[in-house]
């Protein structure tokens, strides 16, 4: 019997507008199962979905880099794995200099920073419905920082390929770079991943992997999907992600998470 459920957000729980549909929320609540969101997003970017689902338990942000519980005023951080500040500063400066077309933004805990507004970043602002603080990175890094994530966005496939090669040929201590979408590259602590975040919750709630299920759709969901007893993959996922599924549910625009929780769990 399933005792806990984990779900990715973008492409999984959220629809094409970046929201939890009311019909999906109703199905999820009807299931009565505890739910933890597992996302590359920041806690602020997860807040709307948390409120829509009335979640109270542990939630996982920054691809496992932070575990927190929602509170009536803010959040209670249970675990945080920031990347080394020197690596973060060097990466931000190098990408801004070498790839001027690329959107570069980064997160210090709950705060979001960017050098400038550009076309790539406009889409992220529209989906998250949040606005970063704009400031030269040299000024931001004058203060002690706990950088949880650097987000790079570029819809030019050739440029993004060059950025991936950049990370393959340069060594930055304590960081890892993961693709969540063809146009997105997310840099986090090398200690952070979705599976380690889930393990923290399992230990806290005294659950075994066999007792839990997870929903996902992307490459960065594979560590999560392969560690749970019941991996459920979205209909909109790529074939290689579907290959690890115990069940294939409906797509993210068809209430796939809510449908799967009622049908399979």
Protein backbone atom coordinates (compact mmCIF):
# COMPACT_ATOMS: atom_id res chain seq x y z
CA UNK A 1 0.00 0.00 0.00
CA UNK A 2 1.31 3.46 -0.92
CA UNK A 3 2.01 5.63 2.13
CA UNK A 4 3.53 8.73 0.50
CA UNK A 5 3.72 10.34 -2.94
CA UNK A 6 6.39 12.53 -4.53
CA UNK A 7 5.86 14.54 -7.69
CA UNK A 8 7.87 16.68 -10.05
CA UNK A 9 6.23 20.00 -10.92
CA UNK A 10 6.97 21.36 -14.41
CA UNK A 11 5.64 19.04 -17.11
CA UNK A 12 4.15 16.79 -14.43
CA UNK A 13 1.97 18.44 -11.78
CA UNK A 14 1.65 21.83 -13.50
CA UNK A 15 -0.26 22.52 -16.70
CA UNK A 16 0.95 24.53 -19.69
CA UNK A 17 0.42 27.80 -17.78
CA UNK A 18 2.57 26.69 -14.84
CA UNK A 19 -0.38 26.18 -12.49
CA UNK A 20 -2.12 23.32 -10.71
CA UNK A 21 -5.53 22.98 -12.31
CA UNK A 22 -8.44 23.05 -9.86
CA UNK A 23 -9.66 19.69 -11.20
CA UNK A 24 -6.22 18.17 -10.65
CA UNK A 25 -6.03 19.57 -7.11
CA UNK A 26 -9.45 18.11 -6.33
CA UNK A 27 -8.37 14.63 -7.44
CA UNK A 28 -5.14 14.83 -5.46
CA UNK A 29 -6.99 15.86 -2.30
CA UNK A 30 -9.58 13.13 -2.88
CA UNK A 31 -6.82 10.52 -2.82
CA UNK A 32 -6.01 11.44 0.80
CA UNK A 33 -2.32 10.61 0.29
CA UNK A 34 0.49 12.77 1.69
CA UNK A 35 2.27 14.60 -1.13
CA UNK A 36 5.72 16.14 -1.42
CA UNK A 37 6.63 18.37 -4.35
CA UNK A 38 10.10 17.71 -5.77
CA UNK A 39 11.34 20.50 -7.99
CA UNK A 40 14.24 22.53 -9.31
CA UNK A 41 12.15 25.57 -8.39
CA UNK A 42 12.73 27.80 -5.38
CA UNK A 43 10.36 27.72 -2.39
CA UNK A 44 8.76 31.00 -3.54
CA UNK A 45 8.11 29.52 -6.97
CA UNK A 46 6.50 26.48 -5.33
CA UNK A 47 4.29 28.48 -2.96
CA UNK A 48 1.29 28.81 -5.30
CA UNK A 49 1.09 25.04 -5.88
CA UNK A 50 1.60 24.33 -2.17
CA UNK A 51 -1.32 26.62 -1.33
CA UNK A 52 -3.54 25.13 -4.05
CA UNK A 53 -2.98 21.65 -2.63
CA UNK A 54 -3.06 22.65 1.08
CA UNK A 55 0.30 20.95 1.67
CA UNK A 56 1.79 20.97 5.16
CA UNK A 57 4.56 18.35 5.10
CA UNK A 58 8.16 18.47 3.83
CA UNK A 59 8.76 19.83 0.33
CA UNK A 60 11.88 19.56 -1.83
CA UNK A 61 13.29 22.54 -3.75
CA UNK A 62 16.37 23.18 -5.89
CA UNK A 63 16.53 19.55 -7.11
CA UNK A 64 17.08 18.35 -3.54
CA UNK A 65 19.27 21.28 -2.50
CA UNK A 66 16.70 22.44 0.07
CA UNK A 67 14.05 20.63 2.08
CA UNK A 68 11.52 22.81 3.85
CA UNK A 69 8.09 22.85 5.47
CA UNK A 70 5.54 25.56 4.63
CA UNK A 71 4.60 27.76 7.58
CA UNK A 72 1.85 30.32 8.04
CA UNK A 73 4.52 32.99 7.61
CA UNK A 74 7.33 31.80 5.34
CA UNK A 75 9.05 28.43 5.50
CA UNK A 76 10.98 26.27 7.95
CA UNK A 77 14.21 25.04 6.33
CA UNK A 78 14.97 21.44 7.30
CA UNK A 79 18.06 20.98 5.14
CA UNK A 80 20.09 23.20 2.79
CA UNK A 81 22.98 22.31 0.48
CA UNK A 82 24.35 25.51 -1.10
CA UNK A 83 27.07 25.32 -3.73
CA UNK A 84 30.55 26.73 -2.98
CA UNK A 85 30.34 30.51 -3.29
CA UNK A 86 33.61 30.80 -5.23
CA UNK A 87 32.38 28.32 -7.84
CA UNK A 88 29.05 30.13 -8.14
CA UNK A 89 30.68 33.55 -8.59
CA UNK A 90 33.12 32.21 -11.19
CA UNK A 91 30.37 30.47 -13.18
CA UNK A 92 28.07 33.50 -13.25
CA UNK A 93 30.89 35.78 -14.41
CA UNK A 94 32.18 33.35 -17.03
CA UNK A 95 28.77 32.68 -18.60
CA UNK A 96 27.90 36.38 -18.73
CA UNK A 97 31.19 37.11 -20.48
CA UNK A 98 31.38 34.15 -22.86
CA UNK A 99 27.68 33.68 -23.70
CA UNK A 100 26.10 37.16 -23.84
CA UNK A 101 22.84 35.89 -25.36
CA UNK A 102 22.19 33.55 -22.43
CA UNK A 103 19.92 34.46 -19.53
CA UNK A 104 21.82 34.06 -16.25
CA UNK A 105 20.02 34.18 -12.92
CA UNK A 106 20.70 32.66 -9.52
CA UNK A 107 19.07 32.04 -6.15
CA UNK A 108 20.37 32.88 -2.68
CA UNK A 109 17.96 30.93 -0.51
CA UNK A 110 14.59 32.45 -1.32
CA UNK A 111 15.98 35.47 -3.22
CA UNK A 112 16.32 35.55 -7.01
CA UNK A 113 18.94 37.68 -8.78
CA UNK A 114 19.71 38.49 -12.41
CA UNK A 115 22.01 40.86 -14.24
CA UNK A 116 19.36 42.12 -16.67
CA UNK A 117 15.97 41.42 -18.18
CA UNK A 118 16.11 39.67 -21.55
CA UNK A 119 13.76 37.73 -23.81
CA UNK A 120 14.78 34.38 -22.31
CA UNK A 121 14.11 35.57 -18.77
CA UNK A 122 10.74 37.14 -19.66
CA UNK A 123 9.23 33.68 -20.13
CA UNK A 124 10.46 32.52 -16.73
CA UNK A 125 9.02 35.63 -15.09
CA UNK A 126 5.68 35.02 -16.80
CA UNK A 127 5.49 31.39 -15.66
CA UNK A 128 6.73 31.95 -12.10
CA UNK A 129 4.85 35.25 -11.71
CA UNK A 130 7.87 36.52 -9.73
CA UNK A 131 10.46 39.18 -10.54
CA UNK A 132 14.18 38.83 -9.80
CA UNK A 133 16.28 41.56 -8.23
CA UNK A 134 18.43 43.11 -10.95
CA UNK A 135 21.99 43.93 -9.92
CA UNK A 136 25.56 43.44 -11.21
CA UNK A 137 26.77 40.09 -9.92
CA UNK A 138 29.96 41.70 -8.58
CA UNK A 139 27.79 43.76 -6.21
CA UNK A 140 25.63 40.79 -5.17
CA UNK A 141 28.65 38.66 -4.31
CA UNK A 142 30.19 41.35 -2.11
CA UNK A 143 27.95 39.95 0.64
CA UNK A 144 28.20 36.36 1.97
CA UNK A 145 25.87 34.21 -0.13
CA UNK A 146 24.36 30.74 0.03
CA UNK A 147 23.78 30.15 -3.68
CA UNK A 148 21.32 27.30 -4.11
CA UNK A 149 20.93 27.36 -7.90
CA UNK A 150 22.19 29.07 -11.04
CA UNK A 151 19.73 28.97 -13.93
CA UNK A 152 20.86 29.34 -17.54
CA UNK A 153 18.28 29.77 -20.31
CA UNK A 154 18.99 29.91 -24.04
CA UNK A 155 16.68 28.74 -26.80
CA UNK A 156 19.53 28.66 -29.33
CA UNK A 157 20.43 24.96 -29.44
CA UNK A 158 23.96 25.66 -30.69
CA UNK A 159 24.67 28.06 -27.83
CA UNK A 160 23.29 25.65 -25.25
CA UNK A 161 25.47 22.88 -26.69
CA UNK A 162 28.50 25.15 -26.25
CA UNK A 163 27.50 25.86 -22.65
CA UNK A 164 27.23 22.15 -21.90
CA UNK A 165 30.67 21.64 -23.42
CA UNK A 166 31.94 24.50 -21.25
CA UNK A 167 30.91 22.61 -18.12
CA UNK A 168 32.39 19.37 -19.43
CA UNK A 169 35.77 20.98 -20.02
CA UNK A 170 35.97 23.16 -16.88
CA UNK A 171 36.15 21.87 -13.32
CA UNK A 172 34.10 23.76 -10.76
CA UNK A 173 34.44 22.18 -7.31
CA UNK A 174 31.21 21.19 -5.60
CA UNK A 175 28.74 21.78 -8.43
CA UNK A 176 26.71 19.74 -10.89
CA UNK A 177 24.91 20.87 -14.07
CA UNK A 178 21.60 19.26 -15.04
CA UNK A 179 19.31 19.73 -18.02
CA UNK A 180 15.63 20.03 -17.12
CA UNK A 181 14.60 21.16 -20.61
CA UNK A 182 16.43 21.64 -23.92
CA UNK A 183 16.74 25.38 -23.26
CA UNK A 184 17.46 25.21 -19.50
CA UNK A 185 20.61 24.25 -17.60
CA UNK A 186 20.47 24.30 -13.81
CA UNK A 187 23.58 24.40 -11.65
CA UNK A 188 23.33 23.17 -8.06
CA UNK A 189 25.52 21.67 -5.36
CA UNK A 190 26.99 18.30 -6.32
CA UNK A 191 25.49 16.97 -3.08
CA UNK A 192 21.95 17.88 -4.20
CA UNK A 193 19.70 15.60 -6.23
CA UNK A 194 16.06 14.61 -6.12
CA UNK A 195 16.84 11.13 -4.80
CA UNK A 196 18.78 12.45 -1.79
CA UNK A 197 15.93 14.84 -1.03
CA UNK A 198 13.45 11.98 -1.11
CA UNK A 199 15.67 9.86 1.13
CA UNK A 200 15.67 12.66 3.70
CA UNK A 201 11.85 12.58 3.76
CA UNK A 202 11.79 8.78 3.94
CA UNK A 203 14.12 8.85 6.94
CA UNK A 204 12.09 11.59 8.62
CA UNK A 205 8.79 9.78 8.09
CA UNK A 206 10.26 6.29 8.69
CA UNK A 207 9.16 4.96 5.33
CA UNK A 208 10.72 2.40 3.01
CA UNK A 209 11.17 2.95 -0.70
CA UNK A 210 8.65 0.19 -1.40
CA UNK A 211 5.96 2.24 0.39
CA UNK A 212 6.23 5.34 -1.80
CA UNK A 213 5.37 6.43 -5.34
CA UNK A 214 6.66 9.19 -7.59
CA UNK A 215 5.46 11.05 -10.69
CA UNK A 216 7.84 12.52 -13.26
CA UNK A 217 8.40 13.36 -16.89
CA UNK A 218 12.04 14.37 -17.43
CA UNK A 219 15.64 13.23 -17.40
CA UNK A 220 16.29 14.88 -14.05
CA UNK A 221 13.41 12.83 -12.57
CA UNK A 222 15.12 9.49 -13.23
CA UNK A 223 16.98 9.32 -9.87
CA UNK A 224 13.63 9.87 -8.14
CA UNK A 225 11.66 7.43 -10.30
CA UNK A 226 14.18 4.63 -9.99
CA UNK A 227 14.34 4.76 -6.19
CA UNK A 228 10.63 4.38 -5.39
CA UNK A 229 8.43 1.30 -5.32
CA UNK A 230 5.88 2.76 -7.73
CA UNK A 231 7.31 5.01 -10.46
CA UNK A 232 4.57 6.67 -12.53
CA UNK A 233 5.48 8.55 -15.70
CA UNK A 234 3.45 11.15 -17.58
CA UNK A 235 2.02 10.48 -21.04
CA UNK A 236 3.94 13.56 -22.26
CA UNK A 237 7.32 12.12 -21.21
CA UNK A 238 10.00 10.90 -23.59
CA UNK A 239 10.22 7.13 -24.35
CA UNK A 240 13.40 6.66 -22.28
CA UNK A 241 11.62 8.05 -19.21
CA UNK A 242 8.56 5.89 -19.81
CA UNK A 243 10.85 2.86 -19.88
CA UNK A 244 11.33 3.02 -16.08
CA UNK A 245 7.60 3.37 -15.28
CA UNK A 246 5.41 0.87 -13.51
CA UNK A 247 2.43 2.87 -14.81
CA UNK A 248 1.92 5.53 -17.49
CA UNK A 249 -0.62 8.13 -16.44
CA UNK A 250 -2.33 10.89 -18.41
CA UNK A 251 -0.41 14.02 -19.46
CA UNK A 252 0.20 17.10 -17.33
CA UNK A 253 -2.64 18.94 -19.13
CA UNK A 254 -5.07 16.08 -18.39
CA UNK A 255 -4.71 16.00 -14.57
CA UNK A 256 -2.20 13.16 -14.87
CA UNK A 257 -1.01 13.29 -11.25
CA UNK A 258 -4.50 13.39 -9.75
CA UNK A 259 -5.74 10.72 -12.16
CA UNK A 260 -2.77 8.48 -11.35
CA UNK A 261 -3.16 8.86 -7.61
CA UNK A 262 -6.79 7.75 -7.78
CA UNK A 263 -6.31 4.99 -10.36
CA UNK A 264 -2.99 3.40 -9.40
CA UNK A 265 -2.44 4.25 -5.74
